[in-house]
Amino acid sequence: MSHLQPPSVDWSTLPAPIDDGAAAHLVGRALPDVTLPATDGSSVRLSEIGGTAVLYLYPMTATPGIALPSDWDAIPGARGCTPQSCAFRDHFDELREAGAQAVFGISMQDPAEQREAQARLHLPFPLLSDADGALAQALALPTFEAGGRRLHKRLTMIARDGVVATVFYPIFPPDRNAGDVVAWLRANPA
């Protein structure tokens, strides 16, 4: 199957995010009792995810025909959601072979926007919607405002039996995150 390739991005032209410590409290935390709608029509109760799960959080994927906020490229770490999601798609088999039983992409976009992105990008895993910010609030996740919307800052958590084992934050460039996750899983087998 032919996959959509993300646009080529010159990461050197974009501001890199800094580690502001906003995710330092996450390792060792249990995934909260929050249920998020998934693009496959199901609902995922995070506290019930067992085994090894990869949860990558991102601000928002672009929706065809809808402009991103005018200052999007000036916000450190904002650009790159499509390349990051495509990288998780392209590394999906490696993630599974390295021990990930589940992979989820999570943003504050509504389920309809996420269904469009999942279909357009041919993602082999569901995207979850935290549109009401329940996950962000439960874990005190780092967020930012852009275009009148509250959005997740980009971070990836690997959970083992419902407990956060490691966090990647900040993530830059985002298209390398999936490979970094594969490397961590291989170096830290369950």
C-alpha atoms as a PDB file:
ATOM      1  CA  MET A   1       0.000   0.000   0.000  1.00  0.00           C
ATOM      2  CA  SER A   2       1.266   3.428  -0.920  1.00  0.00           C
ATOM      3  CA  HIS A   3       1.335   5.895   1.969  1.00  0.00           C
ATOM      4  CA  LEU A   4       1.090   9.635   1.934  1.00  0.00           C
ATOM      5  CA  GLN A   5       4.503  11.094   2.582  1.00  0.00           C
ATOM      6  CA  PRO A   6       4.651  14.057   4.936  1.00  0.00           C
ATOM      7  CA  PRO A   7       5.903  17.327   3.542  1.00  0.00           C
ATOM      8  CA  SER A   8       9.647  17.770   3.732  1.00  0.00           C
ATOM      9  CA  VAL A   9      10.492  20.089   6.605  1.00  0.00           C
ATOM     10  CA  ASP A  10      13.778  21.914   7.153  1.00  0.00           C
ATOM     11  CA  TRP A  11      13.837  21.591  10.950  1.00  0.00           C
ATOM     12  CA  SER A  12      16.799  23.992  11.164  1.00  0.00           C
ATOM     13  CA  THR A  13      14.464  26.850  10.200  1.00  0.00           C
ATOM     14  CA  LEU A  14      12.071  26.233  13.101  1.00  0.00           C
ATOM     15  CA  PRO A  15      12.499  27.105  16.771  1.00  0.00           C
ATOM     16  CA  ALA A  16      13.255  24.050  18.908  1.00  0.00           C
ATOM     17  CA  PRO A  17      11.327  23.608  22.147  1.00  0.00           C
ATOM     18  CA  ILE A  18      13.231  23.751  25.418  1.00  0.00           C
ATOM     19  CA  ASP A  19      12.879  21.438  28.382  1.00  0.00           C
ATOM     20  CA  ASP A  20      10.811  23.559  30.732  1.00  0.00           C
ATOM     21  CA  GLY A  21      10.413  20.721  33.246  1.00  0.00           C
ATOM     22  CA  ALA A  22       6.667  20.499  32.578  1.00  0.00           C
ATOM     23  CA  ALA A  23       6.793  16.709  32.079  1.00  0.00           C
ATOM     24  CA  ALA A  24       9.267  15.824  34.849  1.00  0.00           C
ATOM     25  CA  HIS A  25       6.482  14.618  37.167  1.00  0.00           C
ATOM     26  CA  LEU A  26       5.103  11.970  34.798  1.00  0.00           C
ATOM     27  CA  VAL A  27       7.469   8.991  35.232  1.00  0.00           C
ATOM     28  CA  GLY A  28       5.979   6.619  37.786  1.00  0.00           C
ATOM     29  CA  ARG A  29       2.466   8.050  37.476  1.00  0.00           C
ATOM     30  CA  ALA A  30      -0.421   5.725  36.766  1.00  0.00           C
ATOM     31  CA  LEU A  31      -2.408   6.390  33.635  1.00  0.00           C
ATOM     32  CA  PRO A  32      -5.560   8.137  34.851  1.00  0.00           C
ATOM     33  CA  ASP A  33      -9.096   6.792  34.864  1.00  0.00           C
ATOM     34  CA  VAL A  34      -9.966   8.833  31.778  1.00  0.00           C
ATOM     35  CA  THR A  35     -11.875   7.485  28.779  1.00  0.00           C
ATOM     36  CA  LEU A  36     -11.094   8.964  25.371  1.00  0.00           C
ATOM     37  CA  PRO A  37     -12.982   8.433  22.093  1.00  0.00           C
ATOM     38  CA  ALA A  38     -10.949   6.638  19.429  1.00  0.00           C
ATOM     39  CA  THR A  39     -11.035   7.007  15.672  1.00  0.00           C
ATOM     40  CA  ASP A  40     -12.142   3.374  15.288  1.00  0.00           C
ATOM     41  CA  GLY A  41     -15.416   4.208  17.071  1.00  0.00           C
ATOM     42  CA  SER A  42     -14.421   2.654  20.381  1.00  0.00           C
ATOM     43  CA  SER A  43     -13.534   4.359  23.641  1.00  0.00           C
ATOM     44  CA  VAL A  44     -10.233   3.726  25.399  1.00  0.00           C
ATOM     45  CA  ARG A  45     -10.105   3.809  29.183  1.00  0.00           C
ATOM     46  CA  LEU A  46      -6.488   4.711  29.825  1.00  0.00           C
ATOM     47  CA  SER A  47      -6.369   3.168  33.310  1.00  0.00           C
ATOM     48  CA  GLU A  48      -7.197  -0.209  31.744  1.00  0.00           C
ATOM     49  CA  ILE A  49      -4.371  -0.285  29.196  1.00  0.00           C
ATOM     50  CA  GLY A  50      -2.152  -3.229  30.044  1.00  0.00           C
ATOM     51  CA  GLY A  51       1.200  -4.347  28.728  1.00  0.00           C
ATOM     52  CA  THR A  52       3.480  -1.875  27.003  1.00  0.00           C
ATOM     53  CA  ALA A  53       1.733   1.088  25.414  1.00  0.00           C
ATOM     54  CA  VAL A  54       3.103   4.050  23.490  1.00  0.00           C
ATOM     55  CA  LEU A  55       1.089   7.254  23.804  1.00  0.00           C
ATOM     56  CA  TYR A  56       2.356  10.131  21.700  1.00  0.00           C
ATOM     57  CA  LEU A  57       0.709  13.486  22.279  1.00  0.00           C
ATOM     58  CA  TYR A  58       0.850  16.198  19.657  1.00  0.00           C
ATOM     59  CA  PRO A  59      -0.694  19.655  19.152  1.00  0.00           C
ATOM     60  CA  MET A  60      -2.784  19.024  16.026  1.00  0.00           C
ATOM     61  CA  THR A  61      -2.539  17.673  12.526  1.00  0.00           C
ATOM     62  CA  ALA A  62      -3.385  20.037   9.710  1.00  0.00           C
ATOM     63  CA  THR A  63      -6.847  19.582   8.223  1.00  0.00           C
ATOM     64  CA  PRO A  64      -7.034  20.090   4.454  1.00  0.00           C
ATOM     65  CA  GLY A  65      -8.716  23.387   3.627  1.00  0.00           C
ATOM     66  CA  ILE A  66      -8.301  24.809   7.146  1.00  0.00           C
ATOM     67  CA  ALA A  67      -5.384  27.126   7.832  1.00  0.00           C
ATOM     68  CA  LEU A  68      -3.115  26.516  10.803  1.00  0.00           C
ATOM     69  CA  PRO A  69      -2.776  29.432  13.223  1.00  0.00           C
ATOM     70  CA  SER A  70      -0.864  32.288  11.551  1.00  0.00           C
ATOM     71  CA  ASP A  71       2.065  32.057  14.000  1.00  0.00           C
ATOM     72  CA  TRP A  72       2.274  28.229  13.930  1.00  0.00           C
ATOM     73  CA  ASP A  73       5.865  27.976  12.672  1.00  0.00           C
ATOM     74  CA  ALA A  74       7.043  30.506  15.283  1.00  0.00           C
ATOM     75  CA  ILE A  75       5.809  28.385  18.214  1.00  0.00           C
ATOM     76  CA  PRO A  76       8.651  26.124  19.418  1.00  0.00           C
ATOM     77  CA  GLY A  77       7.689  22.502  18.814  1.00  0.00           C
ATOM     78  CA  ALA A  78       4.315  23.153  17.199  1.00  0.00           C
ATOM     79  CA  ARG A  79       5.140  22.172  13.624  1.00  0.00           C
ATOM     80  CA  GLY A  80       5.559  18.504  12.755  1.00  0.00           C
ATOM     81  CA  CYS A  81       2.436  16.589  13.776  1.00  0.00           C
ATOM     82  CA  THR A  82       1.949  14.979  10.376  1.00  0.00           C
ATOM     83  CA  PRO A  83       5.637  13.951  10.053  1.00  0.00           C
ATOM     84  CA  GLN A  84       5.521  12.542  13.607  1.00  0.00           C
ATOM     85  CA  SER A  85       2.349  10.536  12.935  1.00  0.00           C
ATOM     86  CA  CYS A  86       3.737   9.256   9.625  1.00  0.00           C
ATOM     87  CA  ALA A  87       6.919   8.160  11.413  1.00  0.00           C
ATOM     88  CA  PHE A  88       4.881   6.186  13.966  1.00  0.00           C
ATOM     89  CA  ARG A  89       2.990   4.647  11.032  1.00  0.00           C
ATOM     90  CA  ASP A  90       6.210   3.780   9.212  1.00  0.00           C
ATOM     91  CA  HIS A  91       7.812   2.303  12.366  1.00  0.00           C
ATOM     92  CA  PHE A  92       4.649   0.521  13.540  1.00  0.00           C
ATOM     93  CA  ASP A  93       5.901  -3.006  12.822  1.00  0.00           C
ATOM     94  CA  GLU A  94       9.214  -2.235  14.576  1.00  0.00           C
ATOM     95  CA  LEU A  95       7.333  -0.832  17.575  1.00  0.00           C
ATOM     96  CA  ARG A  96       5.291  -4.037  17.815  1.00  0.00           C
ATOM     97  CA  GLU A  97       8.390  -6.236  17.404  1.00  0.00           C
ATOM     98  CA  ALA A  98      10.117  -4.217  20.161  1.00  0.00           C
ATOM     99  CA  GLY A  99       7.280  -4.955  22.581  1.00  0.00           C
ATOM    100  CA  ALA A 100       4.609  -2.266  22.152  1.00  0.00           C
ATOM    101  CA  GLN A 101       1.213  -3.912  22.463  1.00  0.00           C
ATOM    102  CA  ALA A 102      -0.592  -0.631  21.747  1.00  0.00           C
ATOM    103  CA  VAL A 103       0.191   2.672  20.052  1.00  0.00           C
ATOM    104  CA  PHE A 104      -2.051   5.717  20.353  1.00  0.00           C
ATOM    105  CA  GLY A 105      -1.742   9.239  18.997  1.00  0.00           C
ATOM    106  CA  ILE A 106      -3.515  11.791  21.207  1.00  0.00           C
ATOM    107  CA  SER A 107      -4.448  15.408  20.577  1.00  0.00           C
ATOM    108  CA  MET A 108      -7.078  17.884  21.693  1.00  0.00           C
ATOM    109  CA  GLN A 109      -8.659  17.810  18.251  1.00  0.00           C
ATOM    110  CA  ASP A 110     -12.217  16.551  18.021  1.00  0.00           C
ATOM    111  CA  PRO A 111     -12.881  12.982  16.874  1.00  0.00           C
ATOM    112  CA  ALA A 112     -14.013  14.058  13.375  1.00  0.00           C
ATOM    113  CA  GLU A 113     -10.722  15.890  12.728  1.00  0.00           C
ATOM    114  CA  GLN A 114      -8.807  12.870  13.963  1.00  0.00           C
ATOM    115  CA  ARG A 115     -10.792  10.403  11.845  1.00  0.00           C
ATOM    116  CA  GLU A 116      -9.909  12.508   8.795  1.00  0.00           C
ATOM    117  CA  ALA A 117      -6.205  12.521   9.737  1.00  0.00           C
ATOM    118  CA  GLN A 118      -6.118   8.791  10.458  1.00  0.00           C
ATOM    119  CA  ALA A 119      -7.728   7.968   7.104  1.00  0.00           C
ATOM    120  CA  ARG A 120      -5.619  10.454   5.119  1.00  0.00           C
ATOM    121  CA  LEU A 121      -2.350   9.328   6.732  1.00  0.00           C
ATOM    122  CA  HIS A 122      -3.245   5.592   6.658  1.00  0.00           C
ATOM    123  CA  LEU A 123      -2.405   5.147  10.341  1.00  0.00           C
ATOM    124  CA  PRO A 124      -2.563   1.497  11.520  1.00  0.00           C
ATOM    125  CA  PHE A 125      -3.462   2.550  15.072  1.00  0.00           C
ATOM    126  CA  PRO A 126      -6.223   4.708  16.525  1.00  0.00           C
ATOM    127  CA  LEU A 127      -5.981   8.360  17.391  1.00  0.00           C
ATOM    128  CA  LEU A 128      -7.601   9.409  20.670  1.00  0.00           C
ATOM    129  CA  SER A 129      -9.362  12.710  21.290  1.00  0.00           C
ATOM    130  CA  ASP A 130      -8.689  14.684  24.464  1.00  0.00           C
ATOM    131  CA  ALA A 131     -10.923  17.496  23.167  1.00  0.00           C
ATOM    132  CA  ASP A 132     -12.270  18.296  26.636  1.00  0.00           C
ATOM    133  CA  GLY A 133      -8.782  18.284  28.170  1.00  0.00           C
ATOM    134  CA  ALA A 134      -9.569  15.519  30.686  1.00  0.00           C
ATOM    135  CA  LEU A 135      -6.224  13.770  30.151  1.00  0.00           C
ATOM    136  CA  ALA A 136      -4.308  17.047  30.172  1.00  0.00           C
ATOM    137  CA  GLN A 137      -5.924  17.961  33.488  1.00  0.00           C
ATOM    138  CA  ALA A 138      -5.597  14.521  35.109  1.00  0.00           C
ATOM    139  CA  LEU A 139      -1.844  14.336  34.432  1.00  0.00           C
ATOM    140  CA  ALA A 140      -1.094  18.087  34.529  1.00  0.00           C
ATOM    141  CA  LEU A 141       0.283  17.802  30.999  1.00  0.00           C
ATOM    142  CA  PRO A 142       2.061  20.718  29.349  1.00  0.00           C
ATOM    143  CA  THR A 143      -0.191  22.652  26.980  1.00  0.00           C
ATOM    144  CA  PHE A 144      -0.134  25.911  25.041  1.00  0.00           C
ATOM    145  CA  GLU A 145      -2.581  28.240  23.315  1.00  0.00           C
ATOM    146  CA  ALA A 146      -2.618  28.883  19.565  1.00  0.00           C
ATOM    147  CA  GLY A 147      -5.329  30.161  17.276  1.00  0.00           C
ATOM    148  CA  GLY A 148      -7.751  30.361  20.192  1.00  0.00           C
ATOM    149  CA  ARG A 149      -7.299  26.676  21.032  1.00  0.00           C
ATOM    150  CA  ARG A 150      -5.652  24.892  23.938  1.00  0.00           C
ATOM    151  CA  LEU A 151      -3.278  22.216  22.610  1.00  0.00           C
ATOM    152  CA  HIS A 152      -0.972  19.536  23.989  1.00  0.00           C
ATOM    153  CA  LYS A 153       2.744  20.213  23.842  1.00  0.00           C
ATOM    154  CA  ARG A 154       4.414  17.344  22.038  1.00  0.00           C
ATOM    155  CA  LEU A 155       5.480  14.479  24.319  1.00  0.00           C
ATOM    156  CA  THR A 156       5.532  10.703  24.243  1.00  0.00           C
ATOM    157  CA  MET A 157       4.919   8.384  27.183  1.00  0.00           C
ATOM    158  CA  ILE A 158       5.698   4.695  27.300  1.00  0.00           C
ATOM    159  CA  ALA A 159       3.524   2.979  29.888  1.00  0.00           C
ATOM    160  CA  ARG A 160       4.001  -0.485  31.283  1.00  0.00           C
ATOM    161  CA  ASP A 161       0.938  -2.087  32.886  1.00  0.00           C
ATOM    162  CA  GLY A 162      -0.669   1.334  33.242  1.00  0.00           C
ATOM    163  CA  VAL A 163       2.321   3.149  34.779  1.00  0.00           C
ATOM    164  CA  VAL A 164       4.434   5.684  32.880  1.00  0.00           C
ATOM    165  CA  ALA A 165       7.903   4.134  32.501  1.00  0.00           C
ATOM    166  CA  THR A 166       9.557   6.922  30.505  1.00  0.00           C
ATOM    167  CA  VAL A 167       8.738  10.213  28.821  1.00  0.00           C
ATOM    168  CA  PHE A 168      10.225  11.865  25.748  1.00  0.00           C
ATOM    169  CA  TYR A 169       9.985  15.642  26.209  1.00  0.00           C
ATOM    170  CA  PRO A 170      10.660  17.937  24.545  1.00  0.00           C
ATOM    171  CA  ILE A 171      10.613  16.235  21.159  1.00  0.00           C
ATOM    172  CA  PHE A 172      12.495  17.773  18.269  1.00  0.00           C
ATOM    173  CA  PRO A 173      12.542  17.084  15.443  1.00  0.00           C
ATOM    174  CA  PRO A 174       9.259  15.190  15.711  1.00  0.00           C
ATOM    175  CA  ASP A 175       9.852  12.867  12.771  1.00  0.00           C
ATOM    176  CA  ARG A 176      12.638  11.137  14.747  1.00  0.00           C
ATOM    177  CA  ASN A 177      10.493  10.395  17.813  1.00  0.00           C
ATOM    178  CA  ALA A 178       9.195   7.006  16.634  1.00  0.00           C
ATOM    179  CA  GLY A 179      12.736   5.764  15.989  1.00  0.00           C
ATOM    180  CA  ASP A 180      13.793   6.954  19.451  1.00  0.00           C
ATOM    181  CA  VAL A 181      10.853   5.056  20.976  1.00  0.00           C
ATOM    182  CA  VAL A 182      11.832   1.863  19.098  1.00  0.00           C
ATOM    183  CA  ALA A 183      15.414   2.234  20.388  1.00  0.00           C
ATOM    184  CA  TRP A 184      14.194   2.716  23.996  1.00  0.00           C
ATOM    185  CA  LEU A 185      11.902  -0.316  23.793  1.00  0.00           C
ATOM    186  CA  ARG A 186      14.735  -2.488  22.447  1.00  0.00           C
ATOM    187  CA  ALA A 187      17.107  -1.280  25.179  1.00  0.00           C
ATOM    188  CA  ASN A 188      14.479  -1.750  27.926  1.00  0.00           C
ATOM    189  CA  PRO A 189      12.547  -4.966  27.220  1.00  0.00           C
ATOM    190  CA  ALA A 190       9.544  -5.682  29.413  1.00  0.00           C
END
